PDB file of all heavy atoms in Angstrom:
ATOM      1  N   GLN A   1     224.085 106.080 153.384  1.00  0.00           N
ATOM      2  CA  GLN A   1     223.032 106.562 154.267  1.00  0.00           C
ATOM      3  C   GLN A   1     221.661 106.356 153.631  1.00  0.00           C
ATOM      4  O   GLN A   1     220.691 106.099 154.316  1.00  0.00           O
ATOM      5  CB  GLN A   1     223.256 108.041 154.566  1.00  0.00           C
ATOM      6  CG  GLN A   1     224.451 108.293 155.463  1.00  0.00           C
ATOM      7  CD  GLN A   1     224.608 109.742 155.820  1.00  0.00           C
ATOM      8  OE1 GLN A   1     224.186 110.626 155.097  1.00  0.00           O
ATOM      9  NE2 GLN A   1     225.228 110.013 156.944  1.00  0.00           N
ATOM     10  N   LYS A   2     221.590 106.474 152.306  1.00  0.00           N
ATOM     11  CA  LYS A   2     220.304 106.328 151.622  1.00  0.00           C
ATOM     12  C   LYS A   2     219.851 104.873 151.606  1.00  0.00           C
ATOM     13  O   LYS A   2     218.681 104.574 151.748  1.00  0.00           O
ATOM     14  CB  LYS A   2     220.430 106.858 150.194  1.00  0.00           C
ATOM     15  CG  LYS A   2     219.128 106.851 149.424  1.00  0.00           C
ATOM     16  CD  LYS A   2     219.301 107.475 148.075  1.00  0.00           C
ATOM     17  CE  LYS A   2     217.993 107.484 147.292  1.00  0.00           C
ATOM     18  NZ  LYS A   2     218.150 108.092 145.970  1.00  0.00           N
ATOM     19  N   ASN A   3     220.805 103.941 151.427  1.00  0.00           N
ATOM     20  CA  ASN A   3     220.452 102.532 151.273  1.00  0.00           C
ATOM     21  C   ASN A   3     220.277 101.807 152.600  1.00  0.00           C
ATOM     22  O   ASN A   3     219.586 100.810 152.670  1.00  0.00           O
ATOM     23  CB  ASN A   3     221.517 101.813 150.435  1.00  0.00           C
ATOM     24  CG  ASN A   3     221.532 102.306 148.996  1.00  0.00           C
ATOM     25  OD1 ASN A   3     220.504 102.699 148.474  1.00  0.00           O
ATOM     26  ND2 ASN A   3     222.693 102.320 148.386  1.00  0.00           N
ATOM     27  N   ILE A   4     220.922 102.267 153.644  1.00  0.00           N
ATOM     28  CA  ILE A   4     220.834 101.614 154.944  1.00  0.00           C
ATOM     29  C   ILE A   4     219.958 102.471 155.844  1.00  0.00           C
ATOM     30  O   ILE A   4     220.312 103.596 156.173  1.00  0.00           O
ATOM     31  CB  ILE A   4     222.229 101.423 155.564  1.00  0.00           C
ATOM     32  CG1 ILE A   4     223.097 100.583 154.631  1.00  0.00           C
ATOM     33  CG2 ILE A   4     222.118 100.757 156.921  1.00  0.00           C
ATOM     34  CD1 ILE A   4     224.537 100.547 155.019  1.00  0.00           C
ATOM     35  N   THR A   5     218.830 101.951 156.229  1.00  0.00           N
ATOM     36  CA  THR A   5     217.907 102.729 157.050  1.00  0.00           C
ATOM     37  C   THR A   5     217.825 102.161 158.461  1.00  0.00           C
ATOM     38  O   THR A   5     218.059 100.977 158.686  1.00  0.00           O
ATOM     39  CB  THR A   5     216.499 102.737 156.441  1.00  0.00           C
ATOM     40  OG1 THR A   5     216.022 101.397 156.349  1.00  0.00           O
ATOM     41  CG2 THR A   5     216.508 103.372 155.067  1.00  0.00           C
ATOM     42  N   LEU A   6     217.508 103.028 159.385  1.00  0.00           N
ATOM     43  CA  LEU A   6     217.272 102.644 160.767  1.00  0.00           C
ATOM     44  C   LEU A   6     215.919 103.215 161.153  1.00  0.00           C
ATOM     45  O   LEU A   6     215.659 104.392 160.942  1.00  0.00           O
ATOM     46  CB  LEU A   6     218.376 103.210 161.672  1.00  0.00           C
ATOM     47  CG  LEU A   6     218.225 102.949 163.171  1.00  0.00           C
ATOM     48  CD1 LEU A   6     218.402 101.468 163.477  1.00  0.00           C
ATOM     49  CD2 LEU A   6     219.240 103.775 163.944  1.00  0.00           C
ATOM     50  N   THR A   7     215.036 102.389 161.677  1.00  0.00           N
ATOM     51  CA  THR A   7     213.738 102.863 162.137  1.00  0.00           C
ATOM     52  C   THR A   7     213.656 102.695 163.651  1.00  0.00           C
ATOM     53  O   THR A   7     214.268 101.796 164.226  1.00  0.00           O
ATOM     54  CB  THR A   7     212.572 102.103 161.476  1.00  0.00           C
ATOM     55  OG1 THR A   7     212.668 100.709 161.811  1.00  0.00           O
ATOM     56  CG2 THR A   7     212.610 102.259 159.967  1.00  0.00           C
ATOM     57  N   ALA A   8     212.897 103.582 164.276  1.00  0.00           N
ATOM     58  CA  ALA A   8     212.772 103.550 165.731  1.00  0.00           C
ATOM     59  C   ALA A   8     211.348 103.893 166.128  1.00  0.00           C
ATOM     60  O   ALA A   8     210.734 104.783 165.562  1.00  0.00           O
ATOM     61  CB  ALA A   8     213.734 104.550 166.366  1.00  0.00           C
ATOM     62  N   THR A   9     210.827 103.144 167.099  1.00  0.00           N
ATOM     63  CA  THR A   9     209.488 103.393 167.623  1.00  0.00           C
ATOM     64  C   THR A   9     209.527 103.304 169.137  1.00  0.00           C
ATOM     65  O   THR A   9     210.043 102.331 169.690  1.00  0.00           O
ATOM     66  CB  THR A   9     208.488 102.341 167.088  1.00  0.00           C
ATOM     67  OG1 THR A   9     208.518 102.342 165.669  1.00  0.00           O
ATOM     68  CG2 THR A   9     207.082 102.653 167.559  1.00  0.00           C
ATOM     69  N   TYR A  10     209.000 104.338 169.801  1.00  0.00           N
ATOM     70  CA  TYR A  10     208.928 104.315 171.252  1.00  0.00           C
ATOM     71  C   TYR A  10     207.630 103.644 171.677  1.00  0.00           C
ATOM     72  O   TYR A  10     206.544 104.050 171.262  1.00  0.00           O
ATOM     73  CB  TYR A  10     208.984 105.728 171.819  1.00  0.00           C
ATOM     74  CG  TYR A  10     208.820 105.771 173.326  1.00  0.00           C
ATOM     75  CD1 TYR A  10     209.739 105.151 174.158  1.00  0.00           C
ATOM     76  CD2 TYR A  10     207.744 106.425 173.909  1.00  0.00           C
ATOM     77  CE1 TYR A  10     209.598 105.183 175.534  1.00  0.00           C
ATOM     78  CE2 TYR A  10     207.594 106.468 175.281  1.00  0.00           C
ATOM     79  CZ  TYR A  10     208.517 105.844 176.095  1.00  0.00           C
ATOM     80  OH  TYR A  10     208.367 105.871 177.456  1.00  0.00           O
ATOM     81  N   GLU A  11     207.751 102.591 172.484  1.00  0.00           N
ATOM     82  CA  GLU A  11     206.581 101.891 173.013  1.00  0.00           C
ATOM     83  C   GLU A  11     206.494 102.191 174.505  1.00  0.00           C
ATOM     84  O   GLU A  11     207.248 101.640 175.311  1.00  0.00           O
ATOM     85  CB  GLU A  11     206.668 100.398 172.721  1.00  0.00           C
ATOM     86  CG  GLU A  11     206.608 100.086 171.234  1.00  0.00           C
ATOM     87  CD  GLU A  11     206.159  98.667 170.941  1.00  0.00           C
ATOM     88  OE1 GLU A  11     205.960  97.887 171.902  1.00  0.00           O
ATOM     89  OE2 GLU A  11     206.014  98.351 169.745  1.00  0.00           O
ATOM     90  N   LYS A  12     205.542 103.051 174.828  1.00  0.00           N
ATOM     91  CA  LYS A  12     205.420 103.549 176.206  1.00  0.00           C
ATOM     92  C   LYS A  12     205.129 102.431 177.195  1.00  0.00           C
ATOM     93  O   LYS A  12     205.689 102.400 178.295  1.00  0.00           O
ATOM     94  CB  LYS A  12     204.318 104.607 176.248  1.00  0.00           C
ATOM     95  CG  LYS A  12     204.234 105.370 177.545  1.00  0.00           C
ATOM     96  CD  LYS A  12     203.196 106.472 177.449  1.00  0.00           C
ATOM     97  CE  LYS A  12     203.097 107.274 178.716  1.00  0.00           C
ATOM     98  NZ  LYS A  12     202.083 108.346 178.615  1.00  0.00           N
ATOM     99  N   ASP A  13     204.250 101.489 176.795  1.00  0.00           N
ATOM    100  CA  ASP A  13     203.886 100.411 177.717  1.00  0.00           C
ATOM    101  C   ASP A  13     205.062  99.490 178.028  1.00  0.00           C
ATOM    102  O   ASP A  13     205.159  98.947 179.122  1.00  0.00           O
ATOM    103  CB  ASP A  13     202.703  99.600 177.164  1.00  0.00           C
ATOM    104  CG  ASP A  13     202.983  99.017 175.792  1.00  0.00           C
ATOM    105  OD1 ASP A  13     203.819  99.594 175.066  1.00  0.00           O
ATOM    106  OD2 ASP A  13     202.371  97.999 175.438  1.00  0.00           O
ATOM    107  N   LYS A  14     205.992  99.331 177.074  1.00  0.00           N
ATOM    108  CA  LYS A  14     207.170  98.482 177.293  1.00  0.00           C
ATOM    109  C   LYS A  14     208.350  99.279 177.832  1.00  0.00           C
ATOM    110  O   LYS A  14     209.384  98.711 178.166  1.00  0.00           O
ATOM    111  CB  LYS A  14     207.573  97.806 175.988  1.00  0.00           C
ATOM    112  CG  LYS A  14     206.542  96.819 175.471  1.00  0.00           C
ATOM    113  CD  LYS A  14     207.015  96.166 174.188  1.00  0.00           C
ATOM    114  CE  LYS A  14     205.976  95.180 173.656  1.00  0.00           C
ATOM    115  NZ  LYS A  14     206.396  94.562 172.386  1.00  0.00           N
ATOM    116  N   LYS A  15     208.215 100.605 177.877  1.00  0.00           N
ATOM    117  CA  LYS A  15     209.281 101.503 178.312  1.00  0.00           C
ATOM    118  C   LYS A  15     210.567 101.211 177.552  1.00  0.00           C
ATOM    119  O   LYS A  15     211.647 101.049 178.135  1.00  0.00           O
ATOM    120  CB  LYS A  15     209.501 101.388 179.821  1.00  0.00           C
ATOM    121  CG  LYS A  15     208.298 101.832 180.637  1.00  0.00           C
ATOM    122  CD  LYS A  15     208.555 101.747 182.113  1.00  0.00           C
ATOM    123  CE  LYS A  15     207.333 102.199 182.900  1.00  0.00           C
ATOM    124  NZ  LYS A  15     207.517 102.074 184.362  1.00  0.00           N
ATOM    125  N   ALA A  16     210.438 101.128 176.224  1.00  0.00           N
ATOM    126  CA  ALA A  16     211.584 100.788 175.381  1.00  0.00           C
ATOM    127  C   ALA A  16     211.449 101.438 174.016  1.00  0.00           C
ATOM    128  O   ALA A  16     210.338 101.705 173.546  1.00  0.00           O
ATOM    129  CB  ALA A  16     211.694  99.278 175.225  1.00  0.00           C
ATOM    130  N   VAL A  17     212.582 101.712 173.396  1.00  0.00           N
ATOM    131  CA  VAL A  17     212.617 102.135 172.005  1.00  0.00           C
ATOM    132  C   VAL A  17     212.985 100.911 171.175  1.00  0.00           C
ATOM    133  O   VAL A  17     214.026 100.290 171.393  1.00  0.00           O
ATOM    134  CB  VAL A  17     213.650 103.259 171.763  1.00  0.00           C
ATOM    135  CG1 VAL A  17     213.719 103.605 170.281  1.00  0.00           C
ATOM    136  CG2 VAL A  17     213.293 104.488 172.576  1.00  0.00           C
ATOM    137  N   LEU A  18     212.101 100.534 170.258  1.00  0.00           N
ATOM    138  CA  LEU A  18     212.345  99.381 169.396  1.00  0.00           C
ATOM    139  C   LEU A  18     213.016  99.865 168.120  1.00  0.00           C
ATOM    140  O   LEU A  18     212.474 100.703 167.394  1.00  0.00           O
ATOM    141  CB  LEU A  18     211.036  98.662 169.082  1.00  0.00           C
ATOM    142  CG  LEU A  18     210.215  98.211 170.297  1.00  0.00           C
ATOM    143  CD1 LEU A  18     208.966  97.473 169.852  1.00  0.00           C
ATOM    144  CD2 LEU A  18     211.046  97.344 171.224  1.00  0.00           C
ATOM    145  N   LEU A  19     214.207  99.329 167.845  1.00  0.00           N
ATOM    146  CA  LEU A  19     215.007  99.766 166.710  1.00  0.00           C
ATOM    147  C   LEU A  19     215.196  98.624 165.732  1.00  0.00           C
ATOM    148  O   LEU A  19     215.328  97.459 166.136  1.00  0.00           O
ATOM    149  CB  LEU A  19     216.372 100.253 167.196  1.00  0.00           C
ATOM    150  CG  LEU A  19     216.283 101.458 168.133  1.00  0.00           C
ATOM    151  CD1 LEU A  19     217.113 101.229 169.363  1.00  0.00           C
ATOM    152  CD2 LEU A  19     216.690 102.724 167.426  1.00  0.00           C
ATOM    153  N   GLN A  20     215.191  98.974 164.449  1.00  0.00           N
ATOM    154  CA  GLN A  20     215.369  97.942 163.421  1.00  0.00           C
ATOM    155  C   GLN A  20     216.129  98.514 162.227  1.00  0.00           C
ATOM    156  O   GLN A  20     215.799  99.580 161.720  1.00  0.00           O
ATOM    157  CB  GLN A  20     214.020  97.390 162.959  1.00  0.00           C
ATOM    158  CG  GLN A  20     214.155  96.295 161.913  1.00  0.00           C
ATOM    159  CD  GLN A  20     212.831  95.613 161.630  1.00  0.00           C
ATOM    160  OE1 GLN A  20     212.194  95.085 162.534  1.00  0.00           O
ATOM    161  NE2 GLN A  20     212.415  95.622 160.378  1.00  0.00           N
ATOM    162  N   GLY A  21     217.135  97.786 161.814  1.00  0.00           N
ATOM    163  CA  GLY A  21     217.876  98.102 160.600  1.00  0.00           C
ATOM    164  C   GLY A  21     217.903  96.866 159.728  1.00  0.00           C
ATOM    165  O   GLY A  21     217.321  95.843 160.069  1.00  0.00           O
ATOM    166  N   GLN A  22     218.594  96.948 158.611  1.00  0.00           N
ATOM    167  CA  GLN A  22     218.647  95.808 157.701  1.00  0.00           C
ATOM    168  C   GLN A  22     220.063  95.654 157.167  1.00  0.00           C
ATOM    169  O   GLN A  22     220.718  96.645 156.822  1.00  0.00           O
ATOM    170  CB  GLN A  22     217.662  95.990 156.546  1.00  0.00           C
ATOM    171  CG  GLN A  22     217.388  94.710 155.778  1.00  0.00           C
ATOM    172  CD  GLN A  22     216.277  94.909 154.756  1.00  0.00           C
ATOM    173  OE1 GLN A  22     216.221  95.920 154.080  1.00  0.00           O
ATOM    174  NE2 GLN A  22     215.408  93.928 154.638  1.00  0.00           N
ATOM    175  N   HIS A  23     220.528  94.408 157.118  1.00  0.00           N
ATOM    176  CA  HIS A  23     221.868  94.103 156.605  1.00  0.00           C
ATOM    177  C   HIS A  23     221.823  94.135 155.080  1.00  0.00           C
ATOM    178  O   HIS A  23     221.419  93.168 154.439  1.00  0.00           O
ATOM    179  CB  HIS A  23     222.315  92.726 157.117  1.00  0.00           C
ATOM    180  CG  HIS A  23     223.617  92.251 156.540  1.00  0.00           C
ATOM    181  ND1 HIS A  23     224.675  93.098 156.291  1.00  0.00           N
ATOM    182  CD2 HIS A  23     224.022  91.010 156.166  1.00  0.00           C
ATOM    183  CE1 HIS A  23     225.681  92.393 155.789  1.00  0.00           C
ATOM    184  NE2 HIS A  23     225.294  91.142 155.701  1.00  0.00           N
ATOM    185  N   VAL A  24     222.215  95.276 154.499  1.00  0.00           N
ATOM    186  CA  VAL A  24     222.184  95.424 153.042  1.00  0.00           C
ATOM    187  C   VAL A  24     223.544  95.820 152.477  1.00  0.00           C
ATOM    188  O   VAL A  24     223.721  95.864 151.274  1.00  0.00           O
ATOM    189  CB  VAL A  24     221.135  96.474 152.603  1.00  0.00           C
ATOM    190  CG1 VAL A  24     219.730  96.027 152.965  1.00  0.00           C
ATOM    191  CG2 VAL A  24     221.428  97.844 153.212  1.00  0.00           C
ATOM    192  N   HIS A  25     224.487  96.132 153.355  1.00  0.00           N
ATOM    193  CA  HIS A  25     225.802  96.583 152.922  1.00  0.00           C
ATOM    194  C   HIS A  25     226.705  95.370 152.730  1.00  0.00           C
ATOM    195  O   HIS A  25     227.115  94.731 153.692  1.00  0.00           O
ATOM    196  CB  HIS A  25     226.384  97.548 153.966  1.00  0.00           C
ATOM    197  CG  HIS A  25     227.458  98.438 153.450  1.00  0.00           C
ATOM    198  ND1 HIS A  25     228.614  97.965 152.888  1.00  0.00           N
ATOM    199  CD2 HIS A  25     227.546  99.796 153.405  1.00  0.00           C
ATOM    200  CE1 HIS A  25     229.376  98.974 152.537  1.00  0.00           C
ATOM    201  NE2 HIS A  25     228.746 100.103 152.831  1.00  0.00           N
ATOM    202  N   LYS A  26     227.045  95.046 151.503  1.00  0.00           N
ATOM    203  CA  LYS A  26     227.802  93.824 151.198  1.00  0.00           C
ATOM    204  C   LYS A  26     229.192  93.806 151.822  1.00  0.00           C
ATOM    205  O   LYS A  26     229.748  92.740 152.081  1.00  0.00           O
ATOM    206  CB  LYS A  26     227.911  93.648 149.688  1.00  0.00           C
ATOM    207  CG  LYS A  26     226.581  93.363 149.012  1.00  0.00           C
ATOM    208  CD  LYS A  26     226.737  93.206 147.516  1.00  0.00           C
ATOM    209  CE  LYS A  26     225.381  92.931 146.863  1.00  0.00           C
ATOM    210  NZ  LYS A  26     225.483  92.814 145.396  1.00  0.00           N
ATOM    211  N   ASN A  27     229.771  94.984 152.055  1.00  0.00           N
ATOM    212  CA  ASN A  27     231.117  95.052 152.625  1.00  0.00           C
ATOM    213  C   ASN A  27     231.119  95.148 154.153  1.00  0.00           C
ATOM    214  O   ASN A  27     232.176  95.255 154.755  1.00  0.00           O
ATOM    215  CB  ASN A  27     231.873  96.261 152.048  1.00  0.00           C
ATOM    216  CG  ASN A  27     232.122  96.114 150.560  1.00  0.00           C
ATOM    217  OD1 ASN A  27     232.335  95.016 150.065  1.00  0.00           O
ATOM    218  ND2 ASN A  27     232.073  97.222 149.841  1.00  0.00           N
ATOM    219  N   ALA A  28     229.941  95.132 154.780  1.00  0.00           N
ATOM    220  CA  ALA A  28     229.867  95.277 156.237  1.00  0.00           C
ATOM    221  C   ALA A  28     230.327  94.011 156.935  1.00  0.00           C
ATOM    222  O   ALA A  28     229.972  92.902 156.535  1.00  0.00           O
ATOM    223  CB  ALA A  28     228.440  95.615 156.656  1.00  0.00           C
ATOM    224  N   ILE A  29     231.143  94.188 157.980  1.00  0.00           N
ATOM    225  CA  ILE A  29     231.515  93.047 158.818  1.00  0.00           C
ATOM    226  C   ILE A  29     230.802  93.107 160.174  1.00  0.00           C
ATOM    227  O   ILE A  29     230.672  92.107 160.857  1.00  0.00           O
ATOM    228  CB  ILE A  29     233.044  92.946 159.004  1.00  0.00           C
ATOM    229  CG1 ILE A  29     233.609  94.220 159.633  1.00  0.00           C
ATOM    230  CG2 ILE A  29     233.723  92.644 157.676  1.00  0.00           C
ATOM    231  CD1 ILE A  29     235.092  94.138 159.964  1.00  0.00           C
ATOM    232  N   SER A  30     230.316  94.308 160.527  1.00  0.00           N
ATOM    233  CA  SER A  30     229.506  94.438 161.738  1.00  0.00           C
ATOM    234  C   SER A  30     228.741  95.756 161.690  1.00  0.00           C
ATOM    235  O   SER A  30     229.099  96.680 160.959  1.00  0.00           O
ATOM    236  CB  SER A  30     230.375  94.398 163.002  1.00  0.00           C
ATOM    237  OG  SER A  30     231.205  95.543 163.081  1.00  0.00           O
ATOM    238  N   TYR A  31     227.661  95.810 162.480  1.00  0.00           N
ATOM    239  CA  TYR A  31     226.868  97.023 162.643  1.00  0.00           C
ATOM    240  C   TYR A  31     226.877  97.383 164.125  1.00  0.00           C
ATOM    241  O   TYR A  31     226.708  96.517 164.978  1.00  0.00           O
ATOM    242  CB  TYR A  31     225.424  96.810 162.194  1.00  0.00           C
ATOM    243  CG  TYR A  31     225.273  96.573 160.715  1.00  0.00           C
ATOM    244  CD1 TYR A  31     225.222  95.288 160.199  1.00  0.00           C
ATOM    245  CD2 TYR A  31     225.153  97.643 159.821  1.00  0.00           C
ATOM    246  CE1 TYR A  31     225.073  95.064 158.838  1.00  0.00           C
ATOM    247  CE2 TYR A  31     225.009  97.429 158.462  1.00  0.00           C
ATOM    248  CZ  TYR A  31     224.965  96.139 157.974  1.00  0.00           C
ATOM    249  OH  TYR A  31     224.825  95.925 156.625  1.00  0.00           O
ATOM    250  N   THR A  32     227.065  98.650 164.411  1.00  0.00           N
ATOM    251  CA  THR A  32     227.043  99.122 165.795  1.00  0.00           C
ATOM    252  C   THR A  32     225.918 100.140 165.946  1.00  0.00           C
ATOM    253  O   THR A  32     225.900 101.155 165.249  1.00  0.00           O
ATOM    254  CB  THR A  32     228.383  99.781 166.182  1.00  0.00           C
ATOM    255  OG1 THR A  32     229.440  98.840 165.999  1.00  0.00           O
ATOM    256  CG2 THR A  32     228.354 100.231 167.634  1.00  0.00           C
TER     257      THR A  32
END
């Protein structure tokens, strides 16, 4: 949880939440 972060920003004009994470887990086969 400490090494893998997820950030989120609500953009009112786009009516969307923009989400971003980073592939840093060497054993990961997928992210959901």
